[in-house]
């Protein structure tokens, strides 16, 4: 898929501006994308949550969890615990 490297950065690689990971670092809060469209014309996509690990008031690392949209319920504990910023229409970033 075009643009997937910037959307889901690999460990040790630079983080793309506007990505979930970059937003979590900048906001110093968890960020949730409830629907990431991956193909035009296909309803189901992905759901992702990026949660920064905060030390000394600044985000050092970010945990990024990505699931199929139908498995969103599995993220309920993290969503309830972190009260993430919700990013709608994240598919536009692909």
N, C-alpha and C. Protein backbone atom coordinates (compact mmCIF):
# COMPACT_ATOMS: atom_id res chain seq x y z
N UNK A 1 0.83 -1.18 0.00
CA UNK A 1 0.00 0.00 0.00
C UNK A 1 0.88 1.25 0.00
N UNK A 2 0.53 2.17 -0.83
CA UNK A 2 1.28 3.42 -0.94
C UNK A 2 1.18 4.21 0.36
N UNK A 3 2.29 4.68 0.86
CA UNK A 3 2.28 5.56 2.03
C UNK A 3 2.26 4.85 3.36
N UNK A 4 2.30 3.54 3.39
CA UNK A 4 2.16 2.80 4.63
C UNK A 4 3.36 3.02 5.55
N UNK A 5 4.57 3.25 5.01
CA UNK A 5 5.75 3.47 5.85
C UNK A 5 5.59 4.71 6.73
N UNK A 6 5.02 5.76 6.19
CA UNK A 6 4.81 6.97 6.98
C UNK A 6 3.70 6.81 8.01
N UNK A 7 2.73 6.02 7.70
CA UNK A 7 1.61 5.81 8.61
C UNK A 7 2.01 4.97 9.81
N UNK A 8 2.75 3.91 9.57
CA UNK A 8 3.19 3.02 10.64
C UNK A 8 4.71 2.97 10.64
N UNK A 9 5.35 3.91 11.31
CA UNK A 9 6.80 3.97 11.29
C UNK A 9 7.44 2.76 11.95
N UNK A 10 8.58 2.37 11.44
CA UNK A 10 9.31 1.25 12.01
C UNK A 10 10.28 1.76 13.06
N UNK A 11 10.57 0.91 14.02
CA UNK A 11 11.48 1.27 15.10
C UNK A 11 12.80 1.77 14.53
N UNK A 12 13.25 2.91 15.06
CA UNK A 12 14.52 3.47 14.62
C UNK A 12 14.45 4.36 13.41
N UNK A 13 13.29 4.43 12.77
CA UNK A 13 13.14 5.29 11.58
C UNK A 13 12.49 6.61 11.97
N UNK A 14 12.71 7.65 11.17
CA UNK A 14 12.08 8.94 11.47
C UNK A 14 10.55 8.84 11.41
N UNK A 15 9.92 9.67 12.21
CA UNK A 15 8.46 9.70 12.27
C UNK A 15 7.94 10.75 11.30
N UNK A 16 6.97 10.38 10.48
CA UNK A 16 6.39 11.30 9.50
C UNK A 16 5.52 12.35 10.18
N UNK A 17 5.62 13.56 9.70
CA UNK A 17 4.79 14.65 10.20
C UNK A 17 3.33 14.34 9.91
N UNK A 18 2.48 14.53 10.90
CA UNK A 18 1.05 14.27 10.74
C UNK A 18 0.64 12.84 11.02
N UNK A 19 1.59 11.96 11.30
CA UNK A 19 1.25 10.57 11.60
C UNK A 19 0.67 10.48 13.02
N UNK A 20 0.07 9.34 13.35
CA UNK A 20 -0.47 9.15 14.70
C UNK A 20 0.64 9.23 15.74
N UNK A 21 1.78 8.66 15.43
CA UNK A 21 2.90 8.67 16.37
C UNK A 21 3.38 10.10 16.61
N UNK A 22 3.53 10.88 15.56
CA UNK A 22 3.97 12.27 15.69
C UNK A 22 2.95 13.07 16.48
N UNK A 23 1.67 12.84 16.24
CA UNK A 23 0.61 13.55 16.96
C UNK A 23 0.64 13.20 18.44
N UNK A 24 0.84 11.93 18.77
CA UNK A 24 0.91 11.50 20.17
C UNK A 24 2.09 12.16 20.88
N UNK A 25 3.22 12.27 20.19
CA UNK A 25 4.40 12.92 20.77
C UNK A 25 4.14 14.42 20.96
N UNK A 26 3.61 15.05 19.94
CA UNK A 26 3.36 16.50 19.99
C UNK A 26 2.34 16.87 21.06
N UNK A 27 1.26 16.08 21.16
CA UNK A 27 0.19 16.37 22.12
C UNK A 27 0.48 15.78 23.50
N UNK A 28 1.47 14.87 23.57
CA UNK A 28 1.81 14.20 24.82
C UNK A 28 0.60 13.46 25.42
N UNK A 29 -0.20 12.88 24.51
CA UNK A 29 -1.43 12.15 24.88
C UNK A 29 -1.64 11.02 23.90
N UNK A 30 -2.45 10.06 24.31
CA UNK A 30 -2.83 8.97 23.42
C UNK A 30 -3.70 9.52 22.29
N UNK A 31 -3.57 8.93 21.11
CA UNK A 31 -4.33 9.36 19.94
C UNK A 31 -4.97 8.12 19.31
N UNK A 32 -6.25 8.22 18.99
CA UNK A 32 -7.01 7.10 18.41
C UNK A 32 -7.52 7.46 17.03
N UNK A 33 -7.29 6.59 16.07
CA UNK A 33 -7.88 6.70 14.73
C UNK A 33 -8.88 5.56 14.63
N UNK A 34 -10.19 5.83 14.82
CA UNK A 34 -11.18 4.75 14.84
C UNK A 34 -11.45 4.12 13.48
N UNK A 35 -11.07 4.81 12.40
CA UNK A 35 -11.26 4.23 11.07
C UNK A 35 -10.16 4.73 10.14
N UNK A 36 -9.34 3.81 9.69
CA UNK A 36 -8.32 4.13 8.70
C UNK A 36 -8.68 3.34 7.45
N UNK A 37 -9.19 4.05 6.45
CA UNK A 37 -9.54 3.41 5.19
C UNK A 37 -8.27 3.03 4.46
N UNK A 38 -8.17 1.79 4.05
CA UNK A 38 -6.94 1.37 3.39
C UNK A 38 -7.10 1.17 1.89
N UNK A 39 -8.33 0.95 1.44
CA UNK A 39 -8.58 0.79 0.01
C UNK A 39 -9.86 1.54 -0.35
N UNK A 40 -9.85 2.23 -1.47
CA UNK A 40 -11.06 2.90 -1.94
C UNK A 40 -12.14 1.88 -2.19
N UNK A 41 -13.36 2.19 -1.76
CA UNK A 41 -14.50 1.32 -2.01
C UNK A 41 -14.65 0.17 -1.03
N UNK A 42 -13.74 0.04 -0.08
CA UNK A 42 -13.83 -1.02 0.92
C UNK A 42 -14.20 -0.36 2.25
N UNK A 43 -15.33 -0.80 2.82
CA UNK A 43 -15.83 -0.19 4.05
C UNK A 43 -14.90 -0.44 5.24
N UNK A 44 -14.56 -1.70 5.50
CA UNK A 44 -13.76 -2.00 6.67
C UNK A 44 -12.31 -1.59 6.46
N UNK A 45 -11.75 -1.08 7.51
CA UNK A 45 -10.35 -0.68 7.46
C UNK A 45 -9.65 -1.11 8.73
N UNK A 46 -8.86 -0.20 9.25
CA UNK A 46 -8.07 -0.47 10.44
C UNK A 46 -8.44 0.52 11.54
N UNK A 47 -8.13 0.17 12.77
CA UNK A 47 -8.23 1.07 13.91
C UNK A 47 -6.85 1.09 14.55
N UNK A 48 -6.43 2.27 15.02
CA UNK A 48 -5.10 2.37 15.61
C UNK A 48 -5.12 3.30 16.81
N UNK A 49 -4.29 2.97 17.79
CA UNK A 49 -4.09 3.85 18.94
C UNK A 49 -2.59 4.00 19.16
N UNK A 50 -2.16 5.23 19.33
CA UNK A 50 -0.76 5.54 19.61
C UNK A 50 -0.70 6.13 21.01
N UNK A 51 0.10 5.51 21.87
CA UNK A 51 0.16 5.94 23.26
C UNK A 51 1.61 6.24 23.64
N UNK A 52 1.88 7.51 23.99
CA UNK A 52 3.25 7.86 24.34
C UNK A 52 3.61 7.35 25.73
N UNK A 53 4.87 7.01 25.88
CA UNK A 53 5.43 6.65 27.18
C UNK A 53 6.09 7.92 27.68
N UNK A 54 5.53 8.51 28.72
CA UNK A 54 5.98 9.82 29.18
C UNK A 54 6.95 9.66 30.35
N UNK A 55 8.13 10.24 30.21
CA UNK A 55 9.13 10.26 31.27
C UNK A 55 9.64 11.69 31.40
N UNK A 56 9.67 12.19 32.61
CA UNK A 56 10.14 13.56 32.88
C UNK A 56 9.34 14.58 32.09
N UNK A 57 8.05 14.32 31.88
CA UNK A 57 7.17 15.27 31.22
C UNK A 57 7.22 15.29 29.71
N UNK A 58 8.04 14.43 29.10
CA UNK A 58 8.15 14.40 27.65
C UNK A 58 8.01 12.97 27.14
N UNK A 59 7.40 12.82 25.97
CA UNK A 59 7.23 11.50 25.37
C UNK A 59 8.57 11.00 24.84
N UNK A 60 8.96 9.81 25.28
CA UNK A 60 10.20 9.23 24.81
C UNK A 60 9.94 8.22 23.71
N UNK A 61 9.05 7.30 23.97
CA UNK A 61 8.69 6.28 23.00
C UNK A 61 7.18 6.27 22.87
N UNK A 62 6.71 5.67 21.76
CA UNK A 62 5.27 5.59 21.52
C UNK A 62 4.93 4.15 21.16
N UNK A 63 3.92 3.61 21.85
CA UNK A 63 3.40 2.29 21.51
C UNK A 63 2.28 2.48 20.50
N UNK A 64 2.39 1.82 19.37
CA UNK A 64 1.38 1.92 18.32
C UNK A 64 0.75 0.54 18.14
N UNK A 65 -0.58 0.48 18.35
CA UNK A 65 -1.31 -0.77 18.19
C UNK A 65 -2.31 -0.58 17.05
N UNK A 66 -2.26 -1.47 16.06
CA UNK A 66 -3.13 -1.39 14.90
C UNK A 66 -3.86 -2.72 14.75
N UNK A 67 -5.19 -2.65 14.63
CA UNK A 67 -6.03 -3.84 14.48
C UNK A 67 -7.00 -3.65 13.33
N UNK A 68 -7.57 -4.76 12.89
CA UNK A 68 -8.70 -4.65 11.96
C UNK A 68 -9.83 -3.95 12.67
N UNK A 69 -10.57 -3.17 11.94
CA UNK A 69 -11.65 -2.37 12.53
C UNK A 69 -12.67 -3.24 13.27
N UNK A 70 -12.92 -4.44 12.78
CA UNK A 70 -13.90 -5.31 13.43
C UNK A 70 -13.46 -5.76 14.82
N UNK A 71 -12.17 -5.58 15.15
CA UNK A 71 -11.63 -5.97 16.45
C UNK A 71 -11.45 -4.79 17.40
N UNK A 72 -12.11 -3.69 17.12
CA UNK A 72 -11.99 -2.47 17.93
C UNK A 72 -12.24 -2.73 19.40
N UNK A 73 -13.14 -3.62 19.72
CA UNK A 73 -13.50 -3.90 21.12
C UNK A 73 -12.28 -4.31 21.94
N UNK A 74 -11.28 -4.88 21.29
CA UNK A 74 -10.07 -5.30 22.00
C UNK A 74 -9.27 -4.11 22.55
N UNK A 75 -9.52 -2.93 22.01
CA UNK A 75 -8.83 -1.73 22.48
C UNK A 75 -9.59 -1.01 23.59
N UNK A 76 -10.76 -1.50 23.96
CA UNK A 76 -11.59 -0.84 24.98
C UNK A 76 -10.84 -0.52 26.26
N UNK A 77 -10.05 -1.44 26.83
CA UNK A 77 -9.33 -1.09 28.07
C UNK A 77 -8.38 0.10 27.89
N UNK A 78 -7.65 0.15 26.79
CA UNK A 78 -6.74 1.26 26.56
C UNK A 78 -7.50 2.56 26.33
N UNK A 79 -8.60 2.48 25.59
CA UNK A 79 -9.40 3.68 25.33
C UNK A 79 -9.99 4.23 26.62
N UNK A 80 -10.52 3.36 27.46
CA UNK A 80 -11.12 3.80 28.73
C UNK A 80 -10.07 4.37 29.68
N UNK A 81 -8.88 3.80 29.67
CA UNK A 81 -7.83 4.23 30.59
C UNK A 81 -7.17 5.54 30.15
N UNK A 82 -6.98 5.72 28.85
CA UNK A 82 -6.20 6.88 28.37
C UNK A 82 -7.03 8.05 27.88
N UNK A 83 -8.32 7.84 27.59
CA UNK A 83 -9.16 8.90 27.03
C UNK A 83 -8.44 9.62 25.89
N UNK A 84 -8.18 8.90 24.80
CA UNK A 84 -7.36 9.45 23.71
C UNK A 84 -8.05 10.56 22.92
N UNK A 85 -7.22 11.34 22.25
CA UNK A 85 -7.71 12.31 21.28
C UNK A 85 -8.16 11.48 20.07
N UNK A 86 -9.37 11.72 19.58
CA UNK A 86 -9.89 10.95 18.45
C UNK A 86 -9.65 11.74 17.16
N UNK A 87 -9.02 11.06 16.20
CA UNK A 87 -8.73 11.65 14.90
C UNK A 87 -9.64 11.00 13.87
N UNK A 88 -10.61 11.74 13.38
CA UNK A 88 -11.54 11.23 12.37
C UNK A 88 -10.96 11.41 10.98
N UNK A 89 -11.34 10.56 10.07
CA UNK A 89 -10.93 10.71 8.67
C UNK A 89 -9.44 10.57 8.46
N UNK A 90 -8.78 9.74 9.26
CA UNK A 90 -7.34 9.60 9.15
C UNK A 90 -6.92 9.01 7.82
N UNK A 91 -7.79 8.35 7.11
CA UNK A 91 -7.47 7.75 5.81
C UNK A 91 -6.89 8.75 4.83
N UNK A 92 -7.20 10.00 5.01
CA UNK A 92 -6.69 11.03 4.10
C UNK A 92 -5.18 11.15 4.15
N UNK A 93 -4.58 10.64 5.22
CA UNK A 93 -3.13 10.74 5.37
C UNK A 93 -2.36 9.67 4.62
N UNK A 94 -3.06 8.68 4.04
CA UNK A 94 -2.36 7.61 3.31
C UNK A 94 -1.87 8.11 1.97
